[in-house]
Amino acid sequence: MERTRGGQIAWWVGLVAHLAAVVWYAASGLVAPAWAVAVLLVIWAVLLAVGLRLRHTRPWLMLLVPVLDAVIWFAAISAGERFLGWTALGPVG
């Protein structure tokens, strides 16, 4: 498969955005319990592996990885808050 300059740039932009997302995943410990942060970090690492593989096959799709980062993180934290009572102050109830 021929690599285009635009594809390479897109891949790097996606990678930098994905790497920046690890801050949000790691800081989730302010709201979520340790087990949930560990699960989120495993998911982040899996997305990193997928992104690295995309470099040679479909570099443009790397732009979707940070979007998935945001959706997964927001959904996990929101679900934990709604259904499990996660707050920055500790469990409610």
N, C-alpha and C. Protein backbone atom coordinates (compact mmCIF):
# COMPACT_ATOMS: atom_id res chain seq x y z
N MET A 1 0.84 -1.17 0.00
CA MET A 1 0.00 0.00 0.00
C MET A 1 0.90 1.24 0.00
N GLU A 2 0.58 2.15 -0.85
CA GLU A 2 1.36 3.39 -0.96
C GLU A 2 1.02 4.33 0.19
N ARG A 3 2.07 4.85 0.81
CA ARG A 3 1.87 5.78 1.91
C ARG A 3 1.91 7.21 1.39
N THR A 4 0.92 7.96 1.77
CA THR A 4 0.89 9.36 1.36
C THR A 4 1.38 10.23 2.51
N ARG A 5 1.84 11.40 2.16
CA ARG A 5 2.30 12.34 3.19
C ARG A 5 1.13 12.73 4.10
N GLY A 6 -0.04 12.94 3.50
CA GLY A 6 -1.22 13.28 4.30
C GLY A 6 -1.57 12.18 5.29
N GLY A 7 -1.45 10.93 4.85
CA GLY A 7 -1.72 9.80 5.74
C GLY A 7 -0.74 9.75 6.90
N GLN A 8 0.52 10.03 6.60
CA GLN A 8 1.54 10.03 7.66
C GLN A 8 1.26 11.14 8.67
N ILE A 9 0.92 12.32 8.17
CA ILE A 9 0.63 13.44 9.07
C ILE A 9 -0.60 13.12 9.92
N ALA A 10 -1.63 12.56 9.29
CA ALA A 10 -2.85 12.20 10.02
C ALA A 10 -2.53 11.20 11.12
N TRP A 11 -1.69 10.22 10.81
CA TRP A 11 -1.34 9.21 11.80
C TRP A 11 -0.64 9.86 12.99
N TRP A 12 0.31 10.73 12.72
CA TRP A 12 1.05 11.39 13.81
C TRP A 12 0.14 12.29 14.65
N VAL A 13 -0.76 13.01 13.99
CA VAL A 13 -1.71 13.85 14.73
C VAL A 13 -2.57 12.98 15.65
N GLY A 14 -3.06 11.88 15.12
CA GLY A 14 -3.86 10.95 15.92
C GLY A 14 -3.08 10.36 17.08
N LEU A 15 -1.81 10.02 16.83
CA LEU A 15 -0.98 9.45 17.89
C LEU A 15 -0.75 10.47 19.01
N VAL A 16 -0.42 11.70 18.64
CA VAL A 16 -0.18 12.73 19.66
C VAL A 16 -1.45 12.96 20.48
N ALA A 17 -2.59 13.01 19.83
CA ALA A 17 -3.86 13.20 20.55
C ALA A 17 -4.14 12.01 21.45
N HIS A 18 -3.85 10.80 20.98
CA HIS A 18 -4.05 9.60 21.81
C HIS A 18 -3.13 9.62 23.03
N LEU A 19 -1.88 10.00 22.82
CA LEU A 19 -0.95 10.07 23.94
C LEU A 19 -1.39 11.11 24.97
N ALA A 20 -1.97 12.20 24.51
CA ALA A 20 -2.47 13.22 25.42
C ALA A 20 -3.64 12.70 26.25
N ALA A 21 -4.40 11.78 25.68
CA ALA A 21 -5.58 11.25 26.37
C ALA A 21 -5.21 10.41 27.59
N VAL A 22 -3.99 9.90 27.65
CA VAL A 22 -3.61 9.06 28.79
C VAL A 22 -3.67 9.87 30.09
N VAL A 23 -3.50 11.19 29.99
CA VAL A 23 -3.60 12.03 31.18
C VAL A 23 -5.00 11.92 31.79
N TRP A 24 -6.02 12.00 30.95
CA TRP A 24 -7.40 11.89 31.43
C TRP A 24 -7.67 10.50 32.01
N TYR A 25 -7.17 9.49 31.32
CA TYR A 25 -7.38 8.11 31.80
C TYR A 25 -6.71 7.91 33.16
N ALA A 26 -5.49 8.37 33.31
CA ALA A 26 -4.76 8.20 34.57
C ALA A 26 -5.37 9.04 35.68
N ALA A 27 -5.83 10.23 35.35
CA ALA A 27 -6.41 11.12 36.36
C ALA A 27 -7.81 10.68 36.78
N SER A 28 -8.33 9.67 36.15
CA SER A 28 -9.66 9.17 36.52
C SER A 28 -9.70 8.67 37.95
N GLY A 29 -8.54 8.42 38.53
CA GLY A 29 -8.47 7.97 39.91
C GLY A 29 -9.03 8.99 40.89
N LEU A 30 -9.22 10.22 40.44
CA LEU A 30 -9.84 11.23 41.29
C LEU A 30 -11.33 10.98 41.47
N VAL A 31 -11.91 10.22 40.55
CA VAL A 31 -13.35 9.95 40.58
C VAL A 31 -13.64 8.45 40.67
N ALA A 32 -12.87 7.66 39.97
CA ALA A 32 -13.13 6.22 39.85
C ALA A 32 -12.23 5.41 40.79
N PRO A 33 -12.68 4.22 41.17
CA PRO A 33 -11.83 3.35 42.00
C PRO A 33 -10.65 2.81 41.19
N ALA A 34 -9.67 2.29 41.90
CA ALA A 34 -8.44 1.81 41.25
C ALA A 34 -8.70 0.75 40.19
N TRP A 35 -9.64 -0.16 40.44
CA TRP A 35 -9.90 -1.21 39.46
C TRP A 35 -10.43 -0.62 38.15
N ALA A 36 -11.23 0.42 38.25
CA ALA A 36 -11.78 1.04 37.04
C ALA A 36 -10.70 1.79 36.28
N VAL A 37 -9.80 2.44 37.00
CA VAL A 37 -8.68 3.12 36.34
C VAL A 37 -7.80 2.11 35.63
N ALA A 38 -7.56 0.97 36.27
CA ALA A 38 -6.76 -0.08 35.64
C ALA A 38 -7.41 -0.58 34.35
N VAL A 39 -8.71 -0.78 34.39
CA VAL A 39 -9.43 -1.22 33.18
C VAL A 39 -9.33 -0.15 32.09
N LEU A 40 -9.51 1.10 32.46
CA LEU A 40 -9.41 2.19 31.48
C LEU A 40 -8.00 2.25 30.87
N LEU A 41 -6.98 2.05 31.68
CA LEU A 41 -5.61 2.09 31.15
C LEU A 41 -5.32 0.90 30.24
N VAL A 42 -5.92 -0.25 30.53
CA VAL A 42 -5.77 -1.40 29.62
C VAL A 42 -6.45 -1.08 28.29
N ILE A 43 -7.62 -0.50 28.34
CA ILE A 43 -8.32 -0.10 27.11
C ILE A 43 -7.48 0.90 26.34
N TRP A 44 -6.88 1.87 27.03
CA TRP A 44 -6.02 2.85 26.37
C TRP A 44 -4.84 2.16 25.68
N ALA A 45 -4.24 1.19 26.36
CA ALA A 45 -3.09 0.46 25.78
C ALA A 45 -3.52 -0.35 24.55
N VAL A 46 -4.70 -0.94 24.61
CA VAL A 46 -5.20 -1.68 23.44
C VAL A 46 -5.41 -0.73 22.26
N LEU A 47 -5.97 0.44 22.54
CA LEU A 47 -6.15 1.43 21.48
C LEU A 47 -4.80 1.89 20.92
N LEU A 48 -3.79 1.98 21.77
CA LEU A 48 -2.45 2.32 21.29
C LEU A 48 -1.93 1.24 20.35
N ALA A 49 -2.10 -0.01 20.72
CA ALA A 49 -1.66 -1.12 19.86
C ALA A 49 -2.39 -1.09 18.52
N VAL A 50 -3.68 -0.83 18.56
CA VAL A 50 -4.46 -0.73 17.32
C VAL A 50 -3.93 0.43 16.48
N GLY A 51 -3.69 1.56 17.12
CA GLY A 51 -3.17 2.72 16.41
C GLY A 51 -1.82 2.47 15.77
N LEU A 52 -0.95 1.77 16.48
CA LEU A 52 0.37 1.46 15.91
C LEU A 52 0.23 0.55 14.69
N ARG A 53 -0.69 -0.35 14.75
CA ARG A 53 -0.92 -1.24 13.61
C ARG A 53 -1.50 -0.48 12.41
N LEU A 54 -2.31 0.53 12.69
CA LEU A 54 -2.92 1.31 11.62
C LEU A 54 -1.89 2.11 10.82
N ARG A 55 -0.72 2.33 11.38
CA ARG A 55 0.30 3.14 10.70
C ARG A 55 0.62 2.58 9.32
N HIS A 56 0.64 1.27 9.22
CA HIS A 56 1.03 0.65 7.94
C HIS A 56 -0.16 0.23 7.08
N THR A 57 -1.32 0.17 7.67
CA THR A 57 -2.46 -0.30 6.89
C THR A 57 -3.41 0.82 6.49
N ARG A 58 -3.90 1.56 7.48
CA ARG A 58 -4.87 2.65 7.23
C ARG A 58 -4.56 3.82 8.16
N PRO A 59 -3.53 4.60 7.85
CA PRO A 59 -3.10 5.66 8.77
C PRO A 59 -4.18 6.71 9.05
N TRP A 60 -5.07 6.95 8.11
CA TRP A 60 -6.12 7.95 8.32
C TRP A 60 -7.05 7.56 9.47
N LEU A 61 -7.22 6.26 9.70
CA LEU A 61 -8.12 5.82 10.76
C LEU A 61 -7.58 6.13 12.15
N MET A 62 -6.29 6.46 12.23
CA MET A 62 -5.71 6.83 13.53
C MET A 62 -6.38 8.07 14.09
N LEU A 63 -6.95 8.89 13.23
CA LEU A 63 -7.66 10.08 13.70
C LEU A 63 -8.90 9.72 14.52
N LEU A 64 -9.41 8.50 14.34
CA LEU A 64 -10.59 8.06 15.10
C LEU A 64 -10.22 7.57 16.49
N VAL A 65 -8.97 7.18 16.69
CA VAL A 65 -8.57 6.63 17.99
C VAL A 65 -8.76 7.65 19.12
N PRO A 66 -8.33 8.91 18.98
CA PRO A 66 -8.60 9.86 20.06
C PRO A 66 -10.10 10.13 20.27
N VAL A 67 -10.87 10.03 19.22
CA VAL A 67 -12.32 10.18 19.36
C VAL A 67 -12.86 9.02 20.21
N LEU A 68 -12.39 7.81 19.93
CA LEU A 68 -12.78 6.66 20.74
C LEU A 68 -12.31 6.83 22.19
N ASP A 69 -11.11 7.38 22.36
CA ASP A 69 -10.61 7.67 23.70
C ASP A 69 -11.63 8.49 24.48
N ALA A 70 -12.07 9.58 23.88
CA ALA A 70 -12.99 10.50 24.55
C ALA A 70 -14.33 9.83 24.83
N VAL A 71 -14.86 9.11 23.85
CA VAL A 71 -16.16 8.47 24.01
C VAL A 71 -16.10 7.41 25.11
N ILE A 72 -15.08 6.57 25.07
CA ILE A 72 -14.95 5.50 26.07
C ILE A 72 -14.76 6.08 27.47
N TRP A 73 -13.88 7.07 27.59
CA TRP A 73 -13.62 7.65 28.90
C TRP A 73 -14.88 8.31 29.46
N PHE A 74 -15.53 9.12 28.64
CA PHE A 74 -16.74 9.81 29.10
C PHE A 74 -17.83 8.81 29.47
N ALA A 75 -18.02 7.78 28.65
CA ALA A 75 -19.05 6.78 28.93
C ALA A 75 -18.74 6.02 30.23
N ALA A 76 -17.49 5.65 30.42
CA ALA A 76 -17.12 4.89 31.61
C ALA A 76 -17.30 5.73 32.88
N ILE A 77 -16.82 6.96 32.85
CA ILE A 77 -16.93 7.81 34.03
C ILE A 77 -18.39 8.18 34.30
N SER A 78 -19.13 8.48 33.25
CA SER A 78 -20.55 8.81 33.43
C SER A 78 -21.34 7.62 33.96
N ALA A 79 -21.08 6.42 33.43
CA ALA A 79 -21.78 5.22 33.91
C ALA A 79 -21.40 4.94 35.36
N GLY A 80 -20.12 5.11 35.70
CA GLY A 80 -19.70 4.89 37.08
C GLY A 80 -20.36 5.87 38.03
N GLU A 81 -20.48 7.10 37.59
CA GLU A 81 -21.13 8.11 38.42
C GLU A 81 -22.62 7.80 38.59
N ARG A 82 -23.25 7.45 37.49
CA ARG A 82 -24.71 7.23 37.49
C ARG A 82 -25.11 5.95 38.22
N PHE A 83 -24.41 4.84 37.91
CA PHE A 83 -24.85 3.53 38.40
C PHE A 83 -24.07 3.02 39.61
N LEU A 84 -22.84 3.51 39.81
CA LEU A 84 -22.01 3.00 40.89
C LEU A 84 -21.72 4.05 41.96
N GLY A 85 -22.22 5.26 41.76
CA GLY A 85 -22.08 6.29 42.77
C GLY A 85 -20.68 6.90 42.89
N TRP A 86 -19.89 6.84 41.81
CA TRP A 86 -18.55 7.43 41.87
C TRP A 86 -18.67 8.94 41.95
N THR A 87 -17.91 9.52 42.84
CA THR A 87 -17.79 10.97 42.93
C THR A 87 -16.36 11.29 43.35
N ALA A 88 -15.99 12.54 43.24
CA ALA A 88 -14.66 12.94 43.69
C ALA A 88 -14.56 12.87 45.21
N LEU A 89 -15.69 12.76 45.89
CA LEU A 89 -15.72 12.70 47.34
C LEU A 89 -15.75 11.29 47.87
N GLY A 90 -15.85 10.31 46.99
CA GLY A 90 -15.96 8.91 47.41
C GLY A 90 -17.37 8.39 47.15
N PRO A 91 -17.62 7.14 47.48
CA PRO A 91 -18.94 6.56 47.23
C PRO A 91 -20.04 7.31 47.99
N VAL A 92 -21.16 7.46 47.32
CA VAL A 92 -22.31 8.13 47.94
C VAL A 92 -23.25 7.05 48.44
N GLY A 93 -23.80 7.26 49.60
CA GLY A 93 -24.81 6.33 50.06
C GLY A 93 -24.41 5.66 51.28
